[in-house]
Amino acid sequence: MSTALRRSPLVPATPYPAEFAQRYRDAGYWTDETFARFLPARAEQFGDRVAVTGAGEGDAVRTLTYRQLSDNSDVLAAGLLRLGVRAGDRVVLQLPNMPEYVEMLFAVFTIGALPVFALPAHRRAEVGYFCEFTDAAAYVIADRHAGFDYRTLAREIVAGSERPPLVIVVGEAGDDPGFVPLSELRTATPDPGDRAEPAPDDVAFLQLSGGTTGRSKLIPRTHTDYLYSVRASAEICGLDPDTRMLVSLPAAHNFPMSSPGILGVLHAGGRVVMAPDPTPSTSFELIERERITIASLVPPLALTWMSSPTRAKHDLSSLELLQVGGAKFGAEAARRVRDELGCRLQQVFGMAEGLVNYTRHDDPDDVVVTTQGRPISPDDEVLVVDDHDRPVAVGVVGNLLTRGPYTIRGYYAAAEHNRASFTEDGFYRTGDRVRLTETGHIVVEGRAKDQINRGGEKVAAEEVENHLLAHPAVRDVAVVSKPDAYLGERTFAFVVGEGTTPRAVELRVFLRERGLAAYKIPDGFRFVDEFPVTGVGKVSRTELRRALESTFVTETATDS
């Protein structure tokens, strides 16, 4: 039997200062609950109520009660231990929306290992980095999903690593050394002594930052900070045992995981319905069949749902609330939700680093459609400042800074990034341009950082630029965003050629071959002789964006 290699210890996270930690405990935000004990407590409380349902291994629909989910996770935890995965080890999870995702998530929590959340869209460039940077002991995948064979990707990861992770496969694992089918883990016998007892302040998992630099930074979230966010989100959103949530966005995102998401619904004793994709045809069928009460989408998908001709073919009357987040939702589109989908709207604006804002159910309609909400906690400190960190007046656009009981104080093993991303007194520089209303609601106006928000997926301009610069026919490149009515922003690359100018199709193929996720590949390219520069000689991205507004962009990508 294959076993995991001994792994390096976890790098300590930047701690909350003692006086802040005490304040958050005294206020009741932080408790002694951990994710290792979260599911057994709900199994005892909610027992035979359905916890999660959805298409699982082999596309068979699986429905698990709270007790079954807890028992199954305990068995898988024993299987992980049998393979040599230990407390403190990192486990990269790259699964589609399926019940096995939730089972494995809590199995990893049970033994005190740390999930590292990868998106199904990530490819070799991203997943290889996650496994290498975290020294992952295991990498969990489905055999195939949406026409893509993740075993091929895993083989590339293993071949390129000096310390390859074990590969755990939901489905057919094949004969590759170090590849283990999930079914093998299900033969293990759990022992009550297997359950880890992490401290509430310990790091529970590593999430991914959208980031503006070449590679995603990792976000260390503790049991106590994240569970506070989960509990508060469930309360704000009015979840209870009758809640039925459709999870159609990739579960690895912070939004569908905890805002209130999977964890919030499980906290409240409701039912999680995992959707394999967010298309109207799939989603509307599930809403009708499962009597869904709440769903969460990014703006482009909300627009797609509202404009879909299949709406009339399904009974959507059970849907009470549609959450829209991940990017700004325009007021005109927001006003259409109630009439076209027959439910209330809740805007959500948050970040995996911490701060989450919600419009409230008792907010006036105008506030719901024109703002992105207000913070979860009374102790969320929100500053809007100018470029010199001086506070601006209410209603004036500035840079958003924040600190609070569930916002991190530093990225994982990233001292240089931390110096740039956090103030000396612990405020996180979000990179968002916002303004505050008199009621304390936030209105998002754009980004200050070189990050593109394409349909809710964050694209770091520098990462794409670095890949393109590896092409021998590219001398220089600048990647910028262009506003788009459907996706919010699209990605465009301005390219200065080296000798013979490459074609856009050639560059797209090149990026795919380098293992870049499809959503990061530019939607269009423009080939230029030189870039406009600022007074200090830097590339003027403002001028490049202006050029996109006034001229036709050549060779726009149409494939994904």
Protein backbone atom coordinates (compact mmCIF):
# COMPACT_ATOMS: atom_id res chain seq x y z
CA MET A 1 0.00 0.00 0.00
CA SER A 2 1.26 3.48 -0.86
CA THR A 3 1.89 5.76 2.08
CA ALA A 4 2.46 9.49 2.38
CA LEU A 5 5.95 10.87 2.81
CA ARG A 6 6.90 12.63 6.01
CA ARG A 7 6.07 16.30 5.47
CA SER A 8 7.57 19.56 6.64
CA PRO A 9 5.92 21.29 9.60
CA LEU A 10 3.30 23.96 9.08
CA VAL A 11 4.67 27.49 8.89
CA PRO A 12 3.21 29.48 11.83
CA ALA A 13 0.53 32.00 10.88
CA THR A 14 0.71 35.67 11.82
CA PRO A 15 -1.12 35.78 15.17
CA TYR A 16 -3.77 38.23 16.26
CA PRO A 17 -2.33 40.59 18.89
CA ALA A 18 -3.21 39.41 22.40
CA GLU A 19 -5.40 42.41 23.20
CA PHE A 20 -7.49 41.88 20.06
CA ALA A 21 -7.80 38.13 20.66
CA GLN A 22 -9.04 38.80 24.19
CA ARG A 23 -11.52 41.39 22.93
CA TYR A 24 -12.96 38.95 20.39
CA ARG A 25 -13.27 36.19 23.01
CA ASP A 26 -14.88 38.51 25.54
CA ALA A 27 -17.41 39.62 22.90
CA GLY A 28 -18.35 35.99 22.25
CA TYR A 29 -17.15 35.96 18.64
CA TRP A 30 -14.46 33.40 19.33
CA THR A 31 -15.40 30.14 21.02
CA ASP A 32 -13.68 26.82 21.69
CA GLU A 33 -15.42 25.04 18.79
CA THR A 34 -13.20 23.48 16.12
CA PHE A 35 -13.91 21.84 12.78
CA ALA A 36 -12.75 18.49 14.20
CA ARG A 37 -15.81 18.57 16.48
CA PHE A 38 -18.20 20.51 14.23
CA LEU A 39 -19.78 17.60 12.36
CA PRO A 40 -20.19 15.15 15.29
CA ALA A 41 -22.00 17.90 17.20
CA ARG A 42 -24.42 18.45 14.29
CA ALA A 43 -24.90 14.70 13.86
CA GLU A 44 -25.94 14.47 17.50
CA GLN A 45 -28.27 17.46 17.11
CA PHE A 46 -29.81 16.76 13.69
CA GLY A 47 -29.32 12.98 13.35
CA ASP A 48 -31.51 11.63 10.56
CA ARG A 49 -32.21 14.93 8.83
CA VAL A 50 -30.70 15.14 5.33
CA ALA A 51 -27.40 17.03 5.37
CA VAL A 52 -26.24 16.84 1.77
CA THR A 53 -27.44 15.45 -1.54
CA GLY A 54 -26.13 15.50 -5.09
CA ALA A 55 -24.58 13.49 -7.89
CA GLY A 56 -21.52 11.66 -6.60
CA GLU A 57 -19.12 9.02 -7.85
CA GLY A 58 -20.34 7.59 -11.15
CA ASP A 59 -23.00 10.34 -11.32
CA ALA A 60 -25.17 8.38 -8.90
CA VAL A 61 -27.31 10.61 -6.68
CA ARG A 62 -26.23 10.27 -3.04
CA THR A 63 -28.24 11.55 -0.10
CA LEU A 64 -26.60 11.59 3.33
CA THR A 65 -28.11 12.34 6.70
CA TYR A 66 -26.10 14.22 9.30
CA ARG A 67 -25.31 10.95 11.06
CA GLN A 68 -24.25 9.24 7.83
CA LEU A 69 -22.11 12.20 6.80
CA SER A 70 -20.35 12.19 10.16
CA ASP A 71 -19.85 8.41 10.16
CA ASN A 72 -18.57 8.38 6.57
CA SER A 73 -16.12 11.18 7.30
CA ASP A 74 -14.81 9.24 10.30
CA VAL A 75 -14.19 6.20 8.08
CA LEU A 76 -12.38 8.28 5.47
CA ALA A 77 -10.34 9.91 8.23
CA ALA A 78 -9.21 6.46 9.35
CA GLY A 79 -8.33 5.72 5.74
CA LEU A 80 -6.19 8.85 5.53
CA LEU A 81 -4.34 7.87 8.69
CA ARG A 82 -3.78 4.38 7.28
CA LEU A 83 -2.15 6.02 4.25
CA GLY A 84 0.19 7.98 6.50
CA VAL A 85 -1.49 11.40 6.38
CA ARG A 86 -1.08 13.04 9.79
CA ALA A 87 -2.20 16.04 11.81
CA GLY A 88 -0.67 19.20 10.39
CA ASP A 89 -0.20 17.73 6.91
CA ARG A 90 -1.65 19.62 3.96
CA VAL A 91 -4.19 17.98 1.64
CA VAL A 92 -5.04 19.67 -1.67
CA LEU A 93 -8.74 19.22 -2.45
CA GLN A 94 -9.72 19.61 -6.10
CA LEU A 95 -13.16 18.10 -6.36
CA PRO A 96 -16.28 19.24 -8.19
CA ASN A 97 -19.51 19.88 -6.31
CA MET A 98 -20.40 16.42 -5.03
CA PRO A 99 -21.23 14.84 -1.65
CA GLU A 100 -17.73 13.34 -1.55
CA TYR A 101 -16.35 16.88 -1.32
CA VAL A 102 -18.07 17.40 2.03
CA GLU A 103 -17.13 13.92 3.26
CA MET A 104 -13.45 14.44 2.45
CA LEU A 105 -13.40 17.97 3.83
CA PHE A 106 -14.49 16.77 7.25
CA ALA A 107 -12.30 13.66 7.07
CA VAL A 108 -9.28 15.93 6.70
CA PHE A 109 -10.51 18.12 9.56
CA THR A 110 -11.07 15.04 11.74
CA ILE A 111 -7.39 14.03 11.76
CA GLY A 112 -6.15 17.61 12.16
CA ALA A 113 -4.75 17.88 8.64
CA LEU A 114 -5.30 21.08 6.65
CA PRO A 115 -7.36 21.25 3.45
CA VAL A 116 -5.91 23.44 0.69
CA PHE A 117 -8.76 24.52 -1.56
CA ALA A 118 -8.14 24.29 -5.32
CA LEU A 119 -10.75 25.12 -7.95
CA PRO A 120 -11.85 22.55 -10.55
CA ALA A 121 -10.69 25.03 -13.22
CA HIS A 122 -7.10 25.06 -11.94
CA ARG A 123 -4.51 23.25 -14.00
CA ARG A 124 -0.83 22.27 -13.75
CA ALA A 125 0.52 25.79 -13.17
CA GLU A 126 -1.74 26.37 -10.18
CA VAL A 127 -2.09 22.91 -8.64
CA GLY A 128 1.60 22.12 -9.03
CA TYR A 129 2.41 25.28 -7.11
CA PHE A 130 -0.09 24.52 -4.33
CA CYS A 131 1.32 21.02 -3.85
CA GLU A 132 4.93 22.20 -3.93
CA PHE A 133 4.55 25.33 -1.80
CA THR A 134 2.55 23.58 0.94
CA ASP A 135 4.50 20.29 0.71
CA ALA A 136 1.15 18.53 0.37
CA ALA A 137 0.87 14.97 1.64
CA ALA A 138 -2.15 14.16 -0.52
CA TYR A 139 -4.02 15.49 -3.53
CA VAL A 140 -7.72 14.57 -3.88
CA ILE A 141 -9.39 14.56 -7.30
CA ALA A 142 -12.32 13.12 -9.23
CA ASP A 143 -11.37 10.79 -12.06
CA ARG A 144 -13.22 12.91 -14.63
CA HIS A 145 -15.46 15.94 -14.52
CA ALA A 146 -16.92 18.16 -17.24
CA GLY A 147 -14.97 16.32 -19.91
CA PHE A 148 -11.59 16.73 -18.20
CA ASP A 149 -9.49 13.82 -16.90
CA TYR A 150 -7.96 14.94 -13.61
CA ARG A 151 -5.81 11.81 -13.46
CA THR A 152 -3.81 13.16 -16.40
CA LEU A 153 -3.29 16.39 -14.48
CA ALA A 154 -2.28 14.44 -11.36
CA ARG A 155 0.29 12.46 -13.36
CA GLU A 156 1.85 15.74 -14.50
CA ILE A 157 1.92 17.01 -10.90
CA VAL A 158 3.55 13.82 -9.63
CA ALA A 159 6.09 13.69 -12.46
CA GLY A 160 7.17 17.27 -11.81
CA SER A 161 7.59 16.92 -8.05
CA GLU A 162 10.54 15.78 -5.97
CA ARG A 163 8.14 15.07 -3.09
CA PRO A 164 4.95 14.02 -4.86
CA PRO A 165 1.72 13.77 -2.90
CA LEU A 166 -0.40 10.68 -2.74
CA VAL A 167 -3.26 10.98 -5.21
CA ILE A 168 -6.69 9.99 -3.92
CA VAL A 169 -9.22 9.51 -6.72
CA VAL A 170 -13.00 9.59 -6.48
CA GLY A 171 -13.77 6.98 -9.13
CA GLU A 172 -11.33 4.89 -11.16
CA ALA A 173 -7.76 5.44 -9.94
CA GLY A 174 -6.00 3.35 -12.59
CA ASP A 175 -2.69 1.57 -12.05
CA ASP A 176 -0.39 4.54 -11.45
CA PRO A 177 1.89 4.15 -8.41
CA GLY A 178 0.72 6.37 -5.58
CA PHE A 179 -2.85 6.65 -6.93
CA VAL A 180 -5.45 5.36 -4.46
CA PRO A 181 -9.21 5.06 -5.08
CA LEU A 182 -11.44 6.67 -2.49
CA SER A 183 -13.19 3.32 -2.16
CA GLU A 184 -10.02 1.92 -0.57
CA LEU A 185 -10.24 4.50 2.21
CA ARG A 186 -13.82 3.38 2.89
CA THR A 187 -12.53 -0.02 4.09
CA ALA A 188 -10.78 1.51 7.11
CA THR A 189 -12.08 1.15 10.66
CA PRO A 190 -12.37 4.39 12.62
CA ASP A 191 -11.05 4.69 16.15
CA PRO A 192 -12.43 7.35 18.52
CA GLY A 193 -8.83 8.15 19.38
CA ASP A 194 -8.19 9.21 15.78
CA ARG A 195 -10.03 12.50 16.22
CA ALA A 196 -7.61 15.39 16.50
CA GLU A 197 -7.95 18.00 19.21
CA PRO A 198 -6.62 21.18 17.62
CA ALA A 199 -6.64 24.40 19.58
CA PRO A 200 -9.34 26.85 18.45
CA ASP A 201 -6.63 29.34 17.47
CA ASP A 202 -4.83 26.81 15.25
CA VAL A 203 -4.90 27.17 11.47
CA ALA A 204 -7.74 25.01 10.12
CA PHE A 205 -7.13 25.28 6.36
CA LEU A 206 -5.52 27.31 3.59
CA GLN A 207 -7.69 29.23 1.15
CA LEU A 208 -6.52 30.89 -2.05
CA SER A 209 -6.25 34.61 -2.58
CA GLY A 210 -7.23 36.12 -5.90
CA GLY A 211 -4.10 38.21 -5.51
CA THR A 212 -2.38 40.65 -7.83
CA THR A 213 1.02 39.00 -7.90
CA GLY A 214 2.37 36.16 -9.99
CA ARG A 215 0.91 33.32 -7.93
CA SER A 216 -2.00 32.92 -5.55
CA LYS A 217 -1.14 33.65 -1.95
CA LEU A 218 -2.42 31.24 0.66
CA ILE A 219 -4.75 32.42 3.39
CA PRO A 220 -4.45 30.72 6.79
CA ARG A 221 -7.87 30.67 8.46
CA THR A 222 -8.20 29.52 12.06
CA HIS A 223 -10.98 27.39 13.51
CA THR A 224 -12.21 30.18 15.73
CA ASP A 225 -12.17 33.06 13.24
CA TYR A 226 -13.83 31.11 10.43
CA LEU A 227 -16.47 29.49 12.59
CA TYR A 228 -17.46 32.91 13.89
CA SER A 229 -17.97 34.04 10.30
CA VAL A 230 -20.03 30.90 9.60
CA ARG A 231 -22.28 31.30 12.65
CA ALA A 232 -22.82 35.02 12.11
CA SER A 233 -23.53 34.54 8.40
CA ALA A 234 -26.10 31.83 9.12
CA GLU A 235 -27.84 34.15 11.58
CA ILE A 236 -27.82 37.18 9.26
CA CYS A 237 -29.23 35.09 6.41
CA GLY A 238 -31.93 33.53 8.57
CA LEU A 239 -30.92 29.89 8.09
CA ASP A 240 -32.71 27.13 9.99
CA PRO A 241 -33.37 23.37 9.63
CA ASP A 242 -35.87 24.07 6.84
CA THR A 243 -33.22 25.80 4.70
CA ARG A 244 -32.35 24.08 1.43
CA MET A 245 -29.37 25.67 -0.29
CA LEU A 246 -28.32 25.08 -3.88
CA VAL A 247 -24.52 25.10 -4.15
CA SER A 248 -23.83 25.72 -7.82
CA LEU A 249 -20.65 27.82 -7.61
CA PRO A 250 -17.40 25.84 -7.07
CA ALA A 251 -17.43 24.81 -3.41
CA ALA A 252 -13.79 25.82 -2.91
CA HIS A 253 -14.71 29.50 -3.11
CA ASN A 254 -15.23 31.32 0.18
CA PHE A 255 -18.70 32.48 -0.94
CA PRO A 256 -20.34 29.04 -1.37
CA MET A 257 -18.28 27.56 1.46
CA SER A 258 -19.17 29.96 4.27
CA SER A 259 -21.22 33.01 3.26
CA PRO A 260 -23.28 31.30 4.60
CA GLY A 261 -22.69 28.46 2.15
CA ILE A 262 -22.18 24.79 2.92
CA LEU A 263 -20.87 25.34 6.42
CA GLY A 264 -23.57 27.82 7.38
CA VAL A 265 -26.32 25.46 6.26
CA LEU A 266 -24.78 22.53 8.15
CA HIS A 267 -24.41 24.73 11.23
CA ALA A 268 -28.15 25.46 11.08
CA GLY A 269 -29.25 21.90 10.35
CA GLY A 270 -30.44 22.57 6.81
CA ARG A 271 -29.92 20.67 3.56
CA VAL A 272 -27.05 21.27 1.12
CA VAL A 273 -27.85 20.41 -2.51
CA MET A 274 -24.71 20.11 -4.63
CA ALA A 275 -25.18 21.11 -8.28
CA PRO A 276 -22.64 19.77 -10.81
CA ASP A 277 -22.90 23.02 -12.79
CA PRO A 278 -24.70 26.37 -12.46
CA THR A 279 -26.54 26.35 -15.77
CA PRO A 280 -30.23 27.29 -15.73
CA SER A 281 -31.29 23.87 -17.00
CA THR A 282 -29.47 22.03 -14.20
CA SER A 283 -30.24 24.58 -11.50
CA PHE A 284 -33.92 25.09 -12.24
CA GLU A 285 -34.53 21.35 -12.26
CA LEU A 286 -32.85 21.04 -8.84
CA ILE A 287 -34.73 24.04 -7.44
CA GLU A 288 -38.02 22.44 -8.46
CA ARG A 289 -37.16 18.90 -7.34
CA GLU A 290 -35.44 19.74 -4.05
CA ARG A 291 -37.64 22.76 -3.16
CA ILE A 292 -34.57 24.98 -2.86
CA THR A 293 -35.01 28.05 -0.64
CA ILE A 294 -31.69 29.86 -1.17
CA ALA A 295 -29.07 29.99 -3.93
CA SER A 296 -25.89 31.99 -4.51
CA LEU A 297 -24.50 33.22 -7.82
CA VAL A 298 -21.99 35.60 -9.35
CA PRO A 299 -23.48 38.43 -11.47
CA PRO A 300 -23.03 36.83 -14.92
CA LEU A 301 -24.87 33.71 -13.78
CA ALA A 302 -27.64 35.78 -12.22
CA LEU A 303 -28.10 37.50 -15.57
CA THR A 304 -28.14 34.13 -17.33
CA TRP A 305 -30.77 32.76 -14.96
CA MET A 306 -32.98 35.82 -15.41
CA SER A 307 -32.79 35.72 -19.20
CA SER A 308 -33.19 31.95 -19.58
CA PRO A 309 -36.27 30.85 -21.55
CA THR A 310 -36.38 27.64 -19.48
CA ARG A 311 -37.59 29.56 -16.40
CA ALA A 312 -41.21 29.16 -17.42
CA LYS A 313 -40.86 25.38 -17.61
CA HIS A 314 -40.03 24.97 -13.91
CA ASP A 315 -41.70 25.70 -10.60
CA LEU A 316 -39.28 28.04 -8.80
CA SER A 317 -41.78 29.14 -6.16
CA SER A 318 -39.80 27.63 -3.27
CA LEU A 319 -36.85 29.96 -3.93
CA GLU A 320 -36.97 32.68 -1.28
CA LEU A 321 -33.53 34.29 -1.56
CA LEU A 322 -30.93 34.77 -4.26
CA GLN A 323 -27.52 35.87 -3.06
CA VAL A 324 -25.34 37.63 -5.62
CA GLY A 325 -21.67 38.27 -4.91
CA GLY A 326 -18.13 37.71 -6.13
CA ALA A 327 -18.27 40.92 -8.18
CA LYS A 328 -20.38 44.06 -8.25
CA PHE A 329 -23.99 43.51 -9.33
CA GLY A 330 -25.29 46.50 -11.28
CA ALA A 331 -28.34 48.27 -9.87
CA GLU A 332 -30.43 47.87 -13.03
CA ALA A 333 -29.88 44.11 -13.08
CA ALA A 334 -30.43 43.89 -9.32
CA ARG A 335 -33.86 45.50 -9.68
CA ARG A 336 -34.95 42.70 -12.03
CA VAL A 337 -34.41 39.82 -9.60
CA ARG A 338 -37.72 39.94 -7.75
CA ASP A 339 -39.83 40.28 -10.90
CA GLU A 340 -37.99 37.70 -12.98
CA LEU A 341 -37.10 35.04 -10.39
CA GLY A 342 -39.81 35.72 -7.83
CA CYS A 343 -37.48 35.94 -4.83
CA ARG A 344 -35.67 38.46 -2.66
CA LEU A 345 -32.14 39.60 -3.46
CA GLN A 346 -29.23 39.74 -1.05
CA GLN A 347 -25.98 41.33 -2.18
CA VAL A 348 -22.77 39.86 -0.75
CA PHE A 349 -19.33 41.44 -0.90
CA GLY A 350 -16.47 39.62 0.74
CA MET A 351 -13.01 38.19 0.44
CA ALA A 352 -11.29 34.96 1.47
CA GLU A 353 -8.97 37.06 3.65
CA GLY A 354 -11.90 37.81 5.93
CA LEU A 355 -14.31 40.75 5.69
CA VAL A 356 -17.80 39.81 4.46
CA ASN A 357 -20.65 42.27 3.90
CA TYR A 358 -24.33 41.49 3.42
CA THR A 359 -27.39 43.55 2.66
CA ARG A 360 -29.88 42.69 5.38
CA HIS A 361 -33.39 41.34 4.95
CA ASP A 362 -34.84 44.50 6.52
CA ASP A 363 -32.84 46.91 4.36
CA PRO A 364 -34.96 49.14 2.09
CA ASP A 365 -35.15 47.90 -1.50
CA ASP A 366 -33.06 50.81 -2.75
CA VAL A 367 -30.23 49.87 -0.37
CA VAL A 368 -30.37 46.23 -1.49
CA VAL A 369 -30.07 47.05 -5.20
CA THR A 370 -27.53 49.90 -4.96
CA THR A 371 -25.07 48.73 -2.27
CA GLN A 372 -23.00 45.64 -1.56
CA GLY A 373 -24.01 45.41 2.09
CA ARG A 374 -22.43 46.14 5.45
CA PRO A 375 -20.03 44.08 7.59
CA ILE A 376 -20.94 41.01 9.61
CA SER A 377 -19.51 42.14 12.91
CA PRO A 378 -19.77 45.24 15.12
CA ASP A 379 -16.00 44.82 15.54
CA ASP A 380 -15.27 44.84 11.81
CA GLU A 381 -13.21 48.00 11.41
CA VAL A 382 -13.61 49.52 7.95
CA LEU A 383 -11.53 52.45 6.73
CA VAL A 384 -11.83 54.20 3.37
CA VAL A 385 -8.65 56.16 2.69
CA ASP A 386 -6.86 58.05 -0.05
CA ASP A 387 -3.56 56.97 -1.60
CA HIS A 388 -1.71 58.38 1.43
CA ASP A 389 -3.85 56.41 3.91
CA ARG A 390 -5.77 59.50 4.98
CA PRO A 391 -9.49 58.90 5.70
CA VAL A 392 -11.91 60.30 3.14
CA ALA A 393 -15.40 61.63 3.81
CA VAL A 394 -18.55 59.53 3.61
CA GLY A 395 -19.57 59.22 -0.03
CA VAL A 396 -16.05 59.79 -1.38
CA VAL A 397 -14.38 56.92 -3.25
CA GLY A 398 -11.20 55.59 -1.66
CA ASN A 399 -9.19 52.47 -0.85
CA LEU A 400 -10.79 49.91 1.47
CA LEU A 401 -8.80 48.82 4.54
CA THR A 402 -10.14 46.48 7.20
CA ARG A 403 -9.35 44.48 10.31
CA GLY A 404 -11.60 42.46 12.57
CA PRO A 405 -12.35 39.17 14.32
CA TYR A 406 -12.26 37.04 11.16
CA THR A 407 -9.82 38.96 8.92
CA ILE A 408 -6.32 37.50 8.76
CA ARG A 409 -3.22 39.35 9.94
CA GLY A 410 -0.93 37.85 7.31
CA TYR A 411 -0.67 35.44 4.38
CA TYR A 412 0.91 32.01 4.74
CA ALA A 413 4.73 32.08 4.54
CA ALA A 414 4.72 35.40 2.66
CA ALA A 415 6.61 38.01 4.68
CA GLU A 416 7.28 40.26 1.68
CA HIS A 417 3.64 40.26 0.58
CA ASN A 418 2.52 40.89 4.14
CA ARG A 419 4.57 44.08 4.36
CA ALA A 420 2.76 45.41 1.29
CA SER A 421 -0.70 44.02 2.09
CA PHE A 422 -1.06 45.01 5.75
CA THR A 423 -0.53 48.28 7.59
CA GLU A 424 1.70 48.40 10.65
CA ASP A 425 -1.38 48.38 12.87
CA GLY A 426 -2.87 45.31 11.20
CA PHE A 427 -5.32 46.65 8.63
CA TYR A 428 -5.61 44.56 5.47
CA ARG A 429 -5.30 46.49 2.21
CA THR A 430 -8.07 44.86 0.21
CA GLY A 431 -7.25 46.54 -3.10
CA ASP A 432 -10.90 47.51 -3.55
CA ARG A 433 -12.07 51.03 -4.37
CA VAL A 434 -15.28 51.75 -2.47
CA ARG A 435 -17.37 54.46 -0.91
CA LEU A 436 -19.41 54.34 2.29
CA THR A 437 -22.99 55.48 2.65
CA GLU A 438 -24.38 57.29 5.67
CA THR A 439 -25.83 53.97 6.87
CA GLY A 440 -22.44 52.23 6.77
CA HIS A 441 -23.17 50.24 3.62
CA ILE A 442 -20.38 49.71 1.10
CA VAL A 443 -20.64 50.57 -2.58
CA VAL A 444 -17.94 48.91 -4.67
CA GLU A 445 -16.50 51.15 -7.39
CA GLY A 446 -13.60 49.06 -8.72
CA ARG A 447 -10.12 47.77 -7.97
CA ALA A 448 -6.98 49.64 -6.98
CA LYS A 449 -4.77 46.60 -7.58
CA ASP A 450 -3.86 44.97 -10.88
CA GLN A 451 -6.44 42.28 -10.43
CA ILE A 452 -9.19 41.47 -12.91
CA ASN A 453 -12.55 40.16 -11.72
CA ARG A 454 -13.79 38.03 -14.60
CA GLY A 455 -17.22 36.70 -13.74
CA GLY A 456 -16.28 36.36 -10.07
CA GLU A 457 -12.97 34.59 -10.78
CA LYS A 458 -9.94 36.71 -9.86
CA VAL A 459 -7.12 36.98 -12.40
CA ALA A 460 -3.76 38.47 -11.41
CA ALA A 461 -2.40 40.49 -14.34
CA GLU A 462 1.19 39.76 -13.31
CA GLU A 463 0.68 36.00 -13.38
CA VAL A 464 -0.65 36.05 -16.96
CA GLU A 465 2.09 38.49 -18.01
CA ASN A 466 4.81 36.21 -16.62
CA HIS A 467 3.50 33.26 -18.62
CA LEU A 468 3.27 35.28 -21.84
CA LEU A 469 6.78 36.65 -21.38
CA ALA A 470 8.06 33.08 -21.58
CA HIS A 471 7.02 32.96 -25.25
CA PRO A 472 10.06 33.60 -27.49
CA ALA A 473 8.12 35.97 -29.76
CA VAL A 474 6.95 38.21 -26.89
CA ARG A 475 9.22 41.06 -25.85
CA ASP A 476 6.85 42.75 -23.43
CA VAL A 477 3.24 42.44 -22.34
CA ALA A 478 0.70 44.28 -20.22
CA VAL A 479 -2.57 42.68 -19.17
CA VAL A 480 -5.52 44.93 -18.31
CA SER A 481 -9.26 44.69 -17.84
CA LYS A 482 -12.11 45.98 -19.95
CA PRO A 483 -15.62 46.49 -18.49
CA ASP A 484 -18.12 43.94 -19.72
CA ALA A 485 -21.88 43.91 -19.24
CA TYR A 486 -21.98 40.14 -18.74
CA LEU A 487 -18.76 39.14 -16.96
CA GLY A 488 -18.11 42.44 -15.20
CA GLU A 489 -14.61 42.54 -16.65
CA ARG A 490 -12.80 40.79 -19.47
CA THR A 491 -9.05 40.28 -19.77
CA PHE A 492 -6.99 41.80 -22.59
CA ALA A 493 -3.28 41.52 -23.30
CA PHE A 494 -1.27 44.23 -25.06
CA VAL A 495 1.75 42.55 -26.62
CA VAL A 496 5.02 43.94 -27.99
CA GLY A 497 6.45 41.30 -30.32
CA GLU A 498 10.02 40.10 -30.61
CA GLY A 499 10.80 39.75 -34.30
CA THR A 500 7.80 38.07 -35.90
CA THR A 501 4.62 39.04 -34.08
CA PRO A 502 2.77 35.95 -32.81
CA ARG A 503 -0.90 35.38 -33.50
CA ALA A 504 -3.47 35.38 -30.73
CA VAL A 505 -4.39 31.74 -31.33
CA GLU A 506 -0.72 30.79 -30.94
CA LEU A 507 -0.51 32.59 -27.60
CA ARG A 508 -3.69 30.97 -26.33
CA VAL A 509 -2.37 27.51 -27.19
CA PHE A 510 0.93 28.41 -25.52
CA LEU A 511 -0.82 29.40 -22.29
CA ARG A 512 -2.86 26.20 -22.26
CA GLU A 513 0.28 24.13 -22.75
CA ARG A 514 1.84 25.89 -19.76
CA GLY A 515 -1.05 24.61 -17.66
CA LEU A 516 -2.81 27.92 -17.06
CA ALA A 517 -6.47 27.77 -16.04
CA ALA A 518 -8.79 28.61 -18.94
CA TYR A 519 -10.45 31.55 -17.18
CA LYS A 520 -7.06 33.29 -16.92
CA ILE A 521 -6.35 33.18 -20.67
CA PRO A 522 -6.95 36.65 -22.16
CA ASP A 523 -10.23 37.22 -23.96
CA GLY A 524 -8.41 39.32 -26.54
CA PHE A 525 -4.99 40.51 -27.66
CA ARG A 526 -3.74 43.73 -29.19
CA PHE A 527 -0.31 43.91 -30.75
CA VAL A 528 1.53 47.23 -30.39
CA ASP A 529 5.00 48.65 -31.04
CA GLU A 530 5.34 50.20 -27.58
CA PHE A 531 3.38 50.97 -24.42
CA PRO A 532 2.26 54.40 -23.22
CA VAL A 533 4.14 55.36 -20.05
CA THR A 534 3.49 57.56 -17.03
CA GLY A 535 5.61 60.53 -16.00
CA VAL A 536 7.87 58.22 -13.99
CA GLY A 537 8.35 55.80 -16.87
CA LYS A 538 5.93 53.07 -15.82
CA VAL A 539 3.49 51.42 -18.21
CA SER A 540 0.27 53.45 -18.11
CA ARG A 541 -2.45 50.87 -17.66
CA THR A 542 -4.95 53.71 -17.55
CA GLU A 543 -4.03 54.66 -21.12
CA LEU A 544 -4.21 51.03 -22.21
CA ARG A 545 -7.70 50.70 -20.77
CA ARG A 546 -8.68 53.92 -22.51
CA ALA A 547 -7.38 52.48 -25.79
CA LEU A 548 -9.65 49.48 -25.34
CA GLU A 549 -12.64 51.78 -24.99
CA SER A 550 -11.88 53.72 -28.16
CA THR A 551 -10.51 51.13 -30.58
CA PHE A 552 -11.39 47.70 -31.88
CA VAL A 553 -9.41 44.93 -30.18
CA THR A 554 -8.02 42.48 -32.70
CA GLU A 555 -8.23 38.72 -32.57
CA THR A 556 -10.61 38.46 -29.65
CA ALA A 557 -10.60 34.98 -28.15
CA THR A 558 -13.74 32.98 -28.69
CA ASP A 559 -12.65 29.64 -27.29
CA SER A 560 -12.15 28.86 -23.61
